[in-house]
Amino acid sequence: IILSTIIGYIITKKSKDLGYGFFISL
């Protein structure tokens, strides 16, 4: 849970795309 949340956080922060960060984290 912690790792996938961190991955989603980094992707969302860098890409500034909520859907992409959520999808990658999912």
mmCIF file of all heavy atoms, coordinates in Angstrom:
data_MODEL
# 
_entry.id   MODEL 
# 
loop_
_atom_site.group_PDB 
_atom_site.id 
_atom_site.type_symbol 
_atom_site.label_atom_id 
_atom_site.label_alt_id 
_atom_site.label_comp_id 
_atom_site.label_asym_id 
_atom_site.label_entity_id 
_atom_site.label_seq_id 
_atom_site.pdbx_PDB_ins_code 
_atom_site.Cartn_x 
_atom_site.Cartn_y 
_atom_site.Cartn_z 
_atom_site.occupancy 
_atom_site.B_iso_or_equiv 
_atom_site.pdbx_formal_charge 
_atom_site.auth_seq_id 
_atom_site.auth_comp_id 
_atom_site.auth_asym_id 
_atom_site.auth_atom_id 
_atom_site.pdbx_PDB_model_num 
ATOM 1   N N   . ILE A 1 1  ? 0.839  -1.197 0.000   1.00 0.00 ? 1  ILE A N   1 
ATOM 2   C CA  . ILE A 1 1  ? 0.000  0.000  0.000   1.00 0.00 ? 1  ILE A CA  1 
ATOM 3   C C   . ILE A 1 1  ? 0.876  1.251  0.000   1.00 0.00 ? 1  ILE A C   1 
ATOM 4   O O   . ILE A 1 1  ? 0.653  2.188  -0.768  1.00 0.00 ? 1  ILE A O   1 
ATOM 5   C CB  . ILE A 1 1  ? -0.952 -0.007 1.216   1.00 0.00 ? 1  ILE A CB  1 
ATOM 6   C CG1 . ILE A 1 1  ? -2.061 -1.014 1.007   1.00 0.00 ? 1  ILE A CG1 1 
ATOM 7   C CG2 . ILE A 1 1  ? -1.529 1.377  1.483   1.00 0.00 ? 1  ILE A CG2 1 
ATOM 8   C CD1 . ILE A 1 1  ? -2.924 -1.253 2.230   1.00 0.00 ? 1  ILE A CD1 1 
ATOM 9   N N   . ILE A 1 2  ? 1.891  1.250  0.846   1.00 0.00 ? 2  ILE A N   1 
ATOM 10  C CA  . ILE A 1 2  ? 2.786  2.402  0.924   1.00 0.00 ? 2  ILE A CA  1 
ATOM 11  C C   . ILE A 1 2  ? 3.537  2.596  -0.387  1.00 0.00 ? 2  ILE A C   1 
ATOM 12  O O   . ILE A 1 2  ? 3.614  3.721  -0.907  1.00 0.00 ? 2  ILE A O   1 
ATOM 13  C CB  . ILE A 1 2  ? 3.749  2.237  2.121   1.00 0.00 ? 2  ILE A CB  1 
ATOM 14  C CG1 . ILE A 1 2  ? 2.973  2.335  3.434   1.00 0.00 ? 2  ILE A CG1 1 
ATOM 15  C CG2 . ILE A 1 2  ? 4.866  3.276  2.079   1.00 0.00 ? 2  ILE A CG2 1 
ATOM 16  C CD1 . ILE A 1 2  ? 3.757  1.896  4.658   1.00 0.00 ? 2  ILE A CD1 1 
ATOM 17  N N   . LEU A 1 3  ? 4.069  1.508  -0.950  1.00 0.00 ? 3  LEU A N   1 
ATOM 18  C CA  . LEU A 1 3  ? 4.817  1.625  -2.199  1.00 0.00 ? 3  LEU A CA  1 
ATOM 19  C C   . LEU A 1 3  ? 3.947  2.100  -3.360  1.00 0.00 ? 3  LEU A C   1 
ATOM 20  O O   . LEU A 1 3  ? 4.356  2.974  -4.129  1.00 0.00 ? 3  LEU A O   1 
ATOM 21  C CB  . LEU A 1 3  ? 5.459  0.284  -2.548  1.00 0.00 ? 3  LEU A CB  1 
ATOM 22  C CG  . LEU A 1 3  ? 6.671  -0.123 -1.736  1.00 0.00 ? 3  LEU A CG  1 
ATOM 23  C CD1 . LEU A 1 3  ? 7.134  -1.518 -2.136  1.00 0.00 ? 3  LEU A CD1 1 
ATOM 24  C CD2 . LEU A 1 3  ? 7.795  0.865  -1.901  1.00 0.00 ? 3  LEU A CD2 1 
ATOM 25  N N   . SER A 1 4  ? 2.760  1.547  -3.503  1.00 0.00 ? 4  SER A N   1 
ATOM 26  C CA  . SER A 1 4  ? 1.905  1.950  -4.621  1.00 0.00 ? 4  SER A CA  1 
ATOM 27  C C   . SER A 1 4  ? 1.404  3.381  -4.447  1.00 0.00 ? 4  SER A C   1 
ATOM 28  O O   . SER A 1 4  ? 1.241  4.105  -5.428  1.00 0.00 ? 4  SER A O   1 
ATOM 29  C CB  . SER A 1 4  ? 0.744  0.979  -4.800  1.00 0.00 ? 4  SER A CB  1 
ATOM 30  O OG  . SER A 1 4  ? -0.064 0.928  -3.656  1.00 0.00 ? 4  SER A OG  1 
ATOM 31  N N   . THR A 1 5  ? 1.204  3.816  -3.207  1.00 0.00 ? 5  THR A N   1 
ATOM 32  C CA  . THR A 1 5  ? 0.808  5.203  -2.970  1.00 0.00 ? 5  THR A CA  1 
ATOM 33  C C   . THR A 1 5  ? 1.957  6.155  -3.304  1.00 0.00 ? 5  THR A C   1 
ATOM 34  O O   . THR A 1 5  ? 1.736  7.211  -3.906  1.00 0.00 ? 5  THR A O   1 
ATOM 35  C CB  . THR A 1 5  ? 0.357  5.400  -1.512  1.00 0.00 ? 5  THR A CB  1 
ATOM 36  O OG1 . THR A 1 5  ? -0.706 4.485  -1.232  1.00 0.00 ? 5  THR A OG1 1 
ATOM 37  C CG2 . THR A 1 5  ? -0.132 6.815  -1.266  1.00 0.00 ? 5  THR A CG2 1 
ATOM 38  N N   . ILE A 1 6  ? 3.164  5.779  -2.936  1.00 0.00 ? 6  ILE A N   1 
ATOM 39  C CA  . ILE A 1 6  ? 4.333  6.609  -3.270  1.00 0.00 ? 6  ILE A CA  1 
ATOM 40  C C   . ILE A 1 6  ? 4.519  6.680  -4.786  1.00 0.00 ? 6  ILE A C   1 
ATOM 41  O O   . ILE A 1 6  ? 4.804  7.754  -5.335  1.00 0.00 ? 6  ILE A O   1 
ATOM 42  C CB  . ILE A 1 6  ? 5.593  6.066  -2.570  1.00 0.00 ? 6  ILE A CB  1 
ATOM 43  C CG1 . ILE A 1 6  ? 5.501  6.329  -1.064  1.00 0.00 ? 6  ILE A CG1 1 
ATOM 44  C CG2 . ILE A 1 6  ? 6.854  6.694  -3.141  1.00 0.00 ? 6  ILE A CG2 1 
ATOM 45  C CD1 . ILE A 1 6  ? 6.591  5.658  -0.253  1.00 0.00 ? 6  ILE A CD1 1 
ATOM 46  N N   . ILE A 1 7  ? 4.343  5.555  -5.467  1.00 0.00 ? 7  ILE A N   1 
ATOM 47  C CA  . ILE A 1 7  ? 4.445  5.545  -6.932  1.00 0.00 ? 7  ILE A CA  1 
ATOM 48  C C   . ILE A 1 7  ? 3.405  6.482  -7.538  1.00 0.00 ? 7  ILE A C   1 
ATOM 49  O O   . ILE A 1 7  ? 3.711  7.293  -8.414  1.00 0.00 ? 7  ILE A O   1 
ATOM 50  C CB  . ILE A 1 7  ? 4.295  4.110  -7.476  1.00 0.00 ? 7  ILE A CB  1 
ATOM 51  C CG1 . ILE A 1 7  ? 5.508  3.279  -7.097  1.00 0.00 ? 7  ILE A CG1 1 
ATOM 52  C CG2 . ILE A 1 7  ? 4.091  4.111  -8.986  1.00 0.00 ? 7  ILE A CG2 1 
ATOM 53  C CD1 . ILE A 1 7  ? 5.349  1.796  -7.357  1.00 0.00 ? 7  ILE A CD1 1 
ATOM 54  N N   . GLY A 1 8  ? 2.164  6.388  -7.065  1.00 0.00 ? 8  GLY A N   1 
ATOM 55  C CA  . GLY A 1 8  ? 1.112  7.272  -7.564  1.00 0.00 ? 8  GLY A CA  1 
ATOM 56  C C   . GLY A 1 8  ? 1.381  8.729  -7.244  1.00 0.00 ? 8  GLY A C   1 
ATOM 57  O O   . GLY A 1 8  ? 1.125  9.619  -8.066  1.00 0.00 ? 8  GLY A O   1 
ATOM 58  N N   . TYR A 1 9  ? 1.927  8.991  -6.064  1.00 0.00 ? 9  TYR A N   1 
ATOM 59  C CA  . TYR A 1 9  ? 2.277  10.358 -5.673  1.00 0.00 ? 9  TYR A CA  1 
ATOM 60  C C   . TYR A 1 9  ? 3.328  10.941 -6.616  1.00 0.00 ? 9  TYR A C   1 
ATOM 61  O O   . TYR A 1 9  ? 3.180  12.071 -7.102  1.00 0.00 ? 9  TYR A O   1 
ATOM 62  C CB  . TYR A 1 9  ? 2.784  10.362 -4.229  1.00 0.00 ? 9  TYR A CB  1 
ATOM 63  C CG  . TYR A 1 9  ? 3.360  11.672 -3.773  1.00 0.00 ? 9  TYR A CG  1 
ATOM 64  C CD1 . TYR A 1 9  ? 2.527  12.710 -3.381  1.00 0.00 ? 9  TYR A CD1 1 
ATOM 65  C CD2 . TYR A 1 9  ? 4.729  11.880 -3.732  1.00 0.00 ? 9  TYR A CD2 1 
ATOM 66  C CE1 . TYR A 1 9  ? 3.045  13.914 -2.960  1.00 0.00 ? 9  TYR A CE1 1 
ATOM 67  C CE2 . TYR A 1 9  ? 5.262  13.080 -3.321  1.00 0.00 ? 9  TYR A CE2 1 
ATOM 68  C CZ  . TYR A 1 9  ? 4.417  14.104 -2.928  1.00 0.00 ? 9  TYR A CZ  1 
ATOM 69  O OH  . TYR A 1 9  ? 4.942  15.300 -2.529  1.00 0.00 ? 9  TYR A OH  1 
ATOM 70  N N   . ILE A 1 10 ? 4.369  10.170 -6.876  1.00 0.00 ? 10 ILE A N   1 
ATOM 71  C CA  . ILE A 1 10 ? 5.451  10.656 -7.745  1.00 0.00 ? 10 ILE A CA  1 
ATOM 72  C C   . ILE A 1 10 ? 4.950  10.884 -9.165  1.00 0.00 ? 10 ILE A C   1 
ATOM 73  O O   . ILE A 1 10 ? 5.232  11.929 -9.771  1.00 0.00 ? 10 ILE A O   1 
ATOM 74  C CB  . ILE A 1 10 ? 6.633  9.665  -7.721  1.00 0.00 ? 10 ILE A CB  1 
ATOM 75  C CG1 . ILE A 1 10 ? 7.296  9.691  -6.344  1.00 0.00 ? 10 ILE A CG1 1 
ATOM 76  C CG2 . ILE A 1 10 ? 7.646  9.988  -8.809  1.00 0.00 ? 10 ILE A CG2 1 
ATOM 77  C CD1 . ILE A 1 10 ? 8.318  8.591  -6.131  1.00 0.00 ? 10 ILE A CD1 1 
ATOM 78  N N   . ILE A 1 11 ? 4.182  9.950  -9.692  1.00 0.00 ? 11 ILE A N   1 
ATOM 79  C CA  . ILE A 1 11 ? 3.660  10.082 -11.058 1.00 0.00 ? 11 ILE A CA  1 
ATOM 80  C C   . ILE A 1 11 ? 2.703  11.266 -11.156 1.00 0.00 ? 11 ILE A C   1 
ATOM 81  O O   . ILE A 1 11 ? 2.772  12.057 -12.102 1.00 0.00 ? 11 ILE A O   1 
ATOM 82  C CB  . ILE A 1 11 ? 2.964  8.778  -11.511 1.00 0.00 ? 11 ILE A CB  1 
ATOM 83  C CG1 . ILE A 1 11 ? 3.936  7.609  -11.525 1.00 0.00 ? 11 ILE A CG1 1 
ATOM 84  C CG2 . ILE A 1 11 ? 2.289  8.952  -12.853 1.00 0.00 ? 11 ILE A CG2 1 
ATOM 85  C CD1 . ILE A 1 11 ? 5.020  7.691  -12.555 1.00 0.00 ? 11 ILE A CD1 1 
ATOM 86  N N   . THR A 1 12 ? 1.819  11.416 -10.185 1.00 0.00 ? 12 THR A N   1 
ATOM 87  C CA  . THR A 1 12 ? 0.870  12.529 -10.203 1.00 0.00 ? 12 THR A CA  1 
ATOM 88  C C   . THR A 1 12 ? 1.592  13.866 -10.087 1.00 0.00 ? 12 THR A C   1 
ATOM 89  O O   . THR A 1 12 ? 1.252  14.829 -10.764 1.00 0.00 ? 12 THR A O   1 
ATOM 90  C CB  . THR A 1 12 ? -0.159 12.380 -9.060  1.00 0.00 ? 12 THR A CB  1 
ATOM 91  O OG1 . THR A 1 12 ? -0.834 11.137 -9.204  1.00 0.00 ? 12 THR A OG1 1 
ATOM 92  C CG2 . THR A 1 12 ? -1.178 13.501 -9.084  1.00 0.00 ? 12 THR A CG2 1 
ATOM 93  N N   . LYS A 1 13 ? 2.588  13.929 -9.226  1.00 0.00 ? 13 LYS A N   1 
ATOM 94  C CA  . LYS A 1 13 ? 3.340  15.167 -9.014  1.00 0.00 ? 13 LYS A CA  1 
ATOM 95  C C   . LYS A 1 13 ? 4.124  15.553 -10.273 1.00 0.00 ? 13 LYS A C   1 
ATOM 96  O O   . LYS A 1 13 ? 4.121  16.720 -10.660 1.00 0.00 ? 13 LYS A O   1 
ATOM 97  C CB  . LYS A 1 13 ? 4.288  14.964 -7.827  1.00 0.00 ? 13 LYS A CB  1 
ATOM 98  C CG  . LYS A 1 13 ? 4.793  16.216 -7.239  1.00 0.00 ? 13 LYS A CG  1 
ATOM 99  C CD  . LYS A 1 13 ? 3.840  16.711 -6.207  1.00 0.00 ? 13 LYS A CD  1 
ATOM 100 C CE  . LYS A 1 13 ? 4.571  17.687 -5.307  1.00 0.00 ? 13 LYS A CE  1 
ATOM 101 N NZ  . LYS A 1 13 ? 3.699  18.647 -4.739  1.00 0.00 ? 13 LYS A NZ  1 
ATOM 102 N N   . LYS A 1 14 ? 4.791  14.588 -10.895 1.00 0.00 ? 14 LYS A N   1 
ATOM 103 C CA  . LYS A 1 14 ? 5.619  14.891 -12.068 1.00 0.00 ? 14 LYS A CA  1 
ATOM 104 C C   . LYS A 1 14 ? 4.795  15.163 -13.312 1.00 0.00 ? 14 LYS A C   1 
ATOM 105 O O   . LYS A 1 14 ? 5.092  16.081 -14.069 1.00 0.00 ? 14 LYS A O   1 
ATOM 106 C CB  . LYS A 1 14 ? 6.607  13.764 -12.328 1.00 0.00 ? 14 LYS A CB  1 
ATOM 107 C CG  . LYS A 1 14 ? 7.720  13.721 -11.317 1.00 0.00 ? 14 LYS A CG  1 
ATOM 108 C CD  . LYS A 1 14 ? 8.829  12.820 -11.775 1.00 0.00 ? 14 LYS A CD  1 
ATOM 109 C CE  . LYS A 1 14 ? 9.879  12.798 -10.692 1.00 0.00 ? 14 LYS A CE  1 
ATOM 110 N NZ  . LYS A 1 14 ? 11.200 13.041 -11.192 1.00 0.00 ? 14 LYS A NZ  1 
ATOM 111 N N   . SER A 1 15 ? 3.763  14.349 -13.542 1.00 0.00 ? 15 SER A N   1 
ATOM 112 C CA  . SER A 1 15 ? 2.980  14.498 -14.777 1.00 0.00 ? 15 SER A CA  1 
ATOM 113 C C   . SER A 1 15 ? 1.860  15.520 -14.639 1.00 0.00 ? 15 SER A C   1 
ATOM 114 O O   . SER A 1 15 ? 1.325  15.969 -15.650 1.00 0.00 ? 15 SER A O   1 
ATOM 115 C CB  . SER A 1 15 ? 2.389  13.155 -15.190 1.00 0.00 ? 15 SER A CB  1 
ATOM 116 O OG  . SER A 1 15 ? 1.372  12.752 -14.295 1.00 0.00 ? 15 SER A OG  1 
ATOM 117 N N   . LYS A 1 16 ? 1.491  15.850 -13.413 1.00 0.00 ? 16 LYS A N   1 
ATOM 118 C CA  . LYS A 1 16 ? 0.355  16.748 -13.133 1.00 0.00 ? 16 LYS A CA  1 
ATOM 119 C C   . LYS A 1 16 ? -0.934 16.242 -13.787 1.00 0.00 ? 16 LYS A C   1 
ATOM 120 O O   . LYS A 1 16 ? -1.786 17.011 -14.184 1.00 0.00 ? 16 LYS A O   1 
ATOM 121 C CB  . LYS A 1 16 ? 0.674  18.171 -13.583 1.00 0.00 ? 16 LYS A CB  1 
ATOM 122 C CG  . LYS A 1 16 ? 1.772  18.809 -12.776 1.00 0.00 ? 16 LYS A CG  1 
ATOM 123 C CD  . LYS A 1 16 ? 1.935  20.256 -13.151 1.00 0.00 ? 16 LYS A CD  1 
ATOM 124 C CE  . LYS A 1 16 ? 2.845  20.943 -12.199 1.00 0.00 ? 16 LYS A CE  1 
ATOM 125 N NZ  . LYS A 1 16 ? 4.203  21.040 -12.498 1.00 0.00 ? 16 LYS A NZ  1 
ATOM 126 N N   . ASP A 1 17 ? -1.037 14.917 -13.871 1.00 0.00 ? 17 ASP A N   1 
ATOM 127 C CA  . ASP A 1 17 ? -2.213 14.270 -14.447 1.00 0.00 ? 17 ASP A CA  1 
ATOM 128 C C   . ASP A 1 17 ? -2.768 13.285 -13.419 1.00 0.00 ? 17 ASP A C   1 
ATOM 129 O O   . ASP A 1 17 ? -2.156 12.254 -13.147 1.00 0.00 ? 17 ASP A O   1 
ATOM 130 C CB  . ASP A 1 17 ? -1.831 13.553 -15.733 1.00 0.00 ? 17 ASP A CB  1 
ATOM 131 C CG  . ASP A 1 17 ? -3.038 12.969 -16.450 1.00 0.00 ? 17 ASP A CG  1 
ATOM 132 O OD1 . ASP A 1 17 ? -4.184 13.176 -16.002 1.00 0.00 ? 17 ASP A OD1 1 
ATOM 133 O OD2 . ASP A 1 17 ? -2.826 12.291 -17.476 1.00 0.00 ? 17 ASP A OD2 1 
ATOM 134 N N   . LEU A 1 18 ? -3.910 13.626 -12.855 1.00 0.00 ? 18 LEU A N   1 
ATOM 135 C CA  . LEU A 1 18 ? -4.518 12.814 -11.802 1.00 0.00 ? 18 LEU A CA  1 
ATOM 136 C C   . LEU A 1 18 ? -4.880 11.418 -12.292 1.00 0.00 ? 18 LEU A C   1 
ATOM 137 O O   . LEU A 1 18 ? -4.610 10.424 -11.632 1.00 0.00 ? 18 LEU A O   1 
ATOM 138 C CB  . LEU A 1 18 ? -5.755 13.520 -11.245 1.00 0.00 ? 18 LEU A CB  1 
ATOM 139 C CG  . LEU A 1 18 ? -6.586 12.775 -10.223 1.00 0.00 ? 18 LEU A CG  1 
ATOM 140 C CD1 . LEU A 1 18 ? -5.769 12.512 -8.970  1.00 0.00 ? 18 LEU A CD1 1 
ATOM 141 C CD2 . LEU A 1 18 ? -7.841 13.550 -9.894  1.00 0.00 ? 18 LEU A CD2 1 
ATOM 142 N N   . GLY A 1 19 ? -5.478 11.330 -13.455 1.00 0.00 ? 19 GLY A N   1 
ATOM 143 C CA  . GLY A 1 19 ? -5.907 10.038 -13.983 1.00 0.00 ? 19 GLY A CA  1 
ATOM 144 C C   . GLY A 1 19 ? -4.747 9.094  -14.241 1.00 0.00 ? 19 GLY A C   1 
ATOM 145 O O   . GLY A 1 19 ? -4.822 7.900  -13.938 1.00 0.00 ? 19 GLY A O   1 
ATOM 146 N N   . TYR A 1 20 ? -3.665 9.624  -14.796 1.00 0.00 ? 20 TYR A N   1 
ATOM 147 C CA  . TYR A 1 20 ? -2.498 8.801  -15.089 1.00 0.00 ? 20 TYR A CA  1 
ATOM 148 C C   . TYR A 1 20 ? -1.847 8.303  -13.801 1.00 0.00 ? 20 TYR A C   1 
ATOM 149 O O   . TYR A 1 20 ? -1.504 7.125  -13.688 1.00 0.00 ? 20 TYR A O   1 
ATOM 150 C CB  . TYR A 1 20 ? -1.503 9.602  -15.938 1.00 0.00 ? 20 TYR A CB  1 
ATOM 151 C CG  . TYR A 1 20 ? -0.302 8.815  -16.375 1.00 0.00 ? 20 TYR A CG  1 
ATOM 152 C CD1 . TYR A 1 20 ? -0.436 7.704  -17.201 1.00 0.00 ? 20 TYR A CD1 1 
ATOM 153 C CD2 . TYR A 1 20 ? 0.967  9.179  -15.970 1.00 0.00 ? 20 TYR A CD2 1 
ATOM 154 C CE1 . TYR A 1 20 ? 0.666  6.977  -17.610 1.00 0.00 ? 20 TYR A CE1 1 
ATOM 155 C CE2 . TYR A 1 20 ? 2.082  8.465  -16.371 1.00 0.00 ? 20 TYR A CE2 1 
ATOM 156 C CZ  . TYR A 1 20 ? 1.923  7.376  -17.193 1.00 0.00 ? 20 TYR A CZ  1 
ATOM 157 O OH  . TYR A 1 20 ? 3.024  6.654  -17.584 1.00 0.00 ? 20 TYR A OH  1 
ATOM 158 N N   . GLY A 1 21 ? -1.671 9.194  -12.828 1.00 0.00 ? 21 GLY A N   1 
ATOM 159 C CA  . GLY A 1 21 ? -1.080 8.798  -11.552 1.00 0.00 ? 21 GLY A CA  1 
ATOM 160 C C   . GLY A 1 21 ? -1.932 7.766  -10.827 1.00 0.00 ? 21 GLY A C   1 
ATOM 161 O O   . GLY A 1 21 ? -1.412 6.804  -10.258 1.00 0.00 ? 21 GLY A O   1 
ATOM 162 N N   . PHE A 1 22 ? -3.261 7.963  -10.867 1.00 0.00 ? 22 PHE A N   1 
ATOM 163 C CA  . PHE A 1 22 ? -4.167 7.009  -10.229 1.00 0.00 ? 22 PHE A CA  1 
ATOM 164 C C   . PHE A 1 22 ? -4.106 5.664  -10.929 1.00 0.00 ? 22 PHE A C   1 
ATOM 165 O O   . PHE A 1 22 ? -4.070 4.610  -10.278 1.00 0.00 ? 22 PHE A O   1 
ATOM 166 C CB  . PHE A 1 22 ? -5.592 7.565  -10.232 1.00 0.00 ? 22 PHE A CB  1 
ATOM 167 C CG  . PHE A 1 22 ? -6.599 6.654  -9.600  1.00 0.00 ? 22 PHE A CG  1 
ATOM 168 C CD1 . PHE A 1 22 ? -6.608 6.462  -8.230  1.00 0.00 ? 22 PHE A CD1 1 
ATOM 169 C CD2 . PHE A 1 22 ? -7.529 5.985  -10.375 1.00 0.00 ? 22 PHE A CD2 1 
ATOM 170 C CE1 . PHE A 1 22 ? -7.533 5.604  -7.639  1.00 0.00 ? 22 PHE A CE1 1 
ATOM 171 C CE2 . PHE A 1 22 ? -8.460 5.145  -9.793  1.00 0.00 ? 22 PHE A CE2 1 
ATOM 172 C CZ  . PHE A 1 22 ? -8.459 4.951  -8.425  1.00 0.00 ? 22 PHE A CZ  1 
ATOM 173 N N   . PHE A 1 23 ? -4.082 5.677  -12.259 1.00 0.00 ? 23 PHE A N   1 
ATOM 174 C CA  . PHE A 1 23 ? -4.041 4.431  -13.018 1.00 0.00 ? 23 PHE A CA  1 
ATOM 175 C C   . PHE A 1 23 ? -2.763 3.651  -12.737 1.00 0.00 ? 23 PHE A C   1 
ATOM 176 O O   . PHE A 1 23 ? -2.808 2.438  -12.498 1.00 0.00 ? 23 PHE A O   1 
ATOM 177 C CB  . PHE A 1 23 ? -4.171 4.717  -14.526 1.00 0.00 ? 23 PHE A CB  1 
ATOM 178 C CG  . PHE A 1 23 ? -4.041 3.492  -15.368 1.00 0.00 ? 23 PHE A CG  1 
ATOM 179 C CD1 . PHE A 1 23 ? -5.059 2.561  -15.428 1.00 0.00 ? 23 PHE A CD1 1 
ATOM 180 C CD2 . PHE A 1 23 ? -2.882 3.259  -16.098 1.00 0.00 ? 23 PHE A CD2 1 
ATOM 181 C CE1 . PHE A 1 23 ? -4.939 1.417  -16.191 1.00 0.00 ? 23 PHE A CE1 1 
ATOM 182 C CE2 . PHE A 1 23 ? -2.754 2.120  -16.863 1.00 0.00 ? 23 PHE A CE2 1 
ATOM 183 C CZ  . PHE A 1 23 ? -3.779 1.195  -16.928 1.00 0.00 ? 23 PHE A CZ  1 
ATOM 184 N N   . ILE A 1 24 ? -1.630 4.336  -12.744 1.00 0.00 ? 24 ILE A N   1 
ATOM 185 C CA  . ILE A 1 24 ? -0.357 3.670  -12.481 1.00 0.00 ? 24 ILE A CA  1 
ATOM 186 C C   . ILE A 1 24 ? -0.346 3.098  -11.062 1.00 0.00 ? 24 ILE A C   1 
ATOM 187 O O   . ILE A 1 24 ? 0.104  1.974  -10.828 1.00 0.00 ? 24 ILE A O   1 
ATOM 188 C CB  . ILE A 1 24 ? 0.820  4.638  -12.696 1.00 0.00 ? 24 ILE A CB  1 
ATOM 189 C CG1 . ILE A 1 24 ? 0.919  5.040  -14.159 1.00 0.00 ? 24 ILE A CG1 1 
ATOM 190 C CG2 . ILE A 1 24 ? 2.134  4.047  -12.195 1.00 0.00 ? 24 ILE A CG2 1 
ATOM 191 C CD1 . ILE A 1 24 ? 1.222  3.915  -15.108 1.00 0.00 ? 24 ILE A CD1 1 
ATOM 192 N N   . SER A 1 25 ? -0.847 3.864  -10.112 1.00 0.00 ? 25 SER A N   1 
ATOM 193 C CA  . SER A 1 25 ? -0.898 3.391  -8.736  1.00 0.00 ? 25 SER A CA  1 
ATOM 194 C C   . SER A 1 25 ? -1.852 2.207  -8.592  1.00 0.00 ? 25 SER A C   1 
ATOM 195 O O   . SER A 1 25 ? -1.570 1.261  -7.848  1.00 0.00 ? 25 SER A O   1 
ATOM 196 C CB  . SER A 1 25 ? -1.322 4.532  -7.813  1.00 0.00 ? 25 SER A CB  1 
ATOM 197 O OG  . SER A 1 25 ? -1.223 4.156  -6.488  1.00 0.00 ? 25 SER A OG  1 
ATOM 198 N N   . LEU A 1 26 ? -2.951 2.248  -9.300  1.00 0.00 ? 26 LEU A N   1 
ATOM 199 C CA  . LEU A 1 26 ? -3.916 1.148  -9.272  1.00 0.00 ? 26 LEU A CA  1 
ATOM 200 C C   . LEU A 1 26 ? -3.319 -0.128 -9.868  1.00 0.00 ? 26 LEU A C   1 
ATOM 201 O O   . LEU A 1 26 ? -3.484 -1.218 -9.311  1.00 0.00 ? 26 LEU A O   1 
ATOM 202 C CB  . LEU A 1 26 ? -5.179 1.558  -10.034 1.00 0.00 ? 26 LEU A CB  1 
ATOM 203 C CG  . LEU A 1 26 ? -6.427 0.736  -9.837  1.00 0.00 ? 26 LEU A CG  1 
ATOM 204 C CD1 . LEU A 1 26 ? -6.889 0.832  -8.391  1.00 0.00 ? 26 LEU A CD1 1 
ATOM 205 C CD2 . LEU A 1 26 ? -7.511 1.234  -10.759 1.00 0.00 ? 26 LEU A CD2 1 
# 
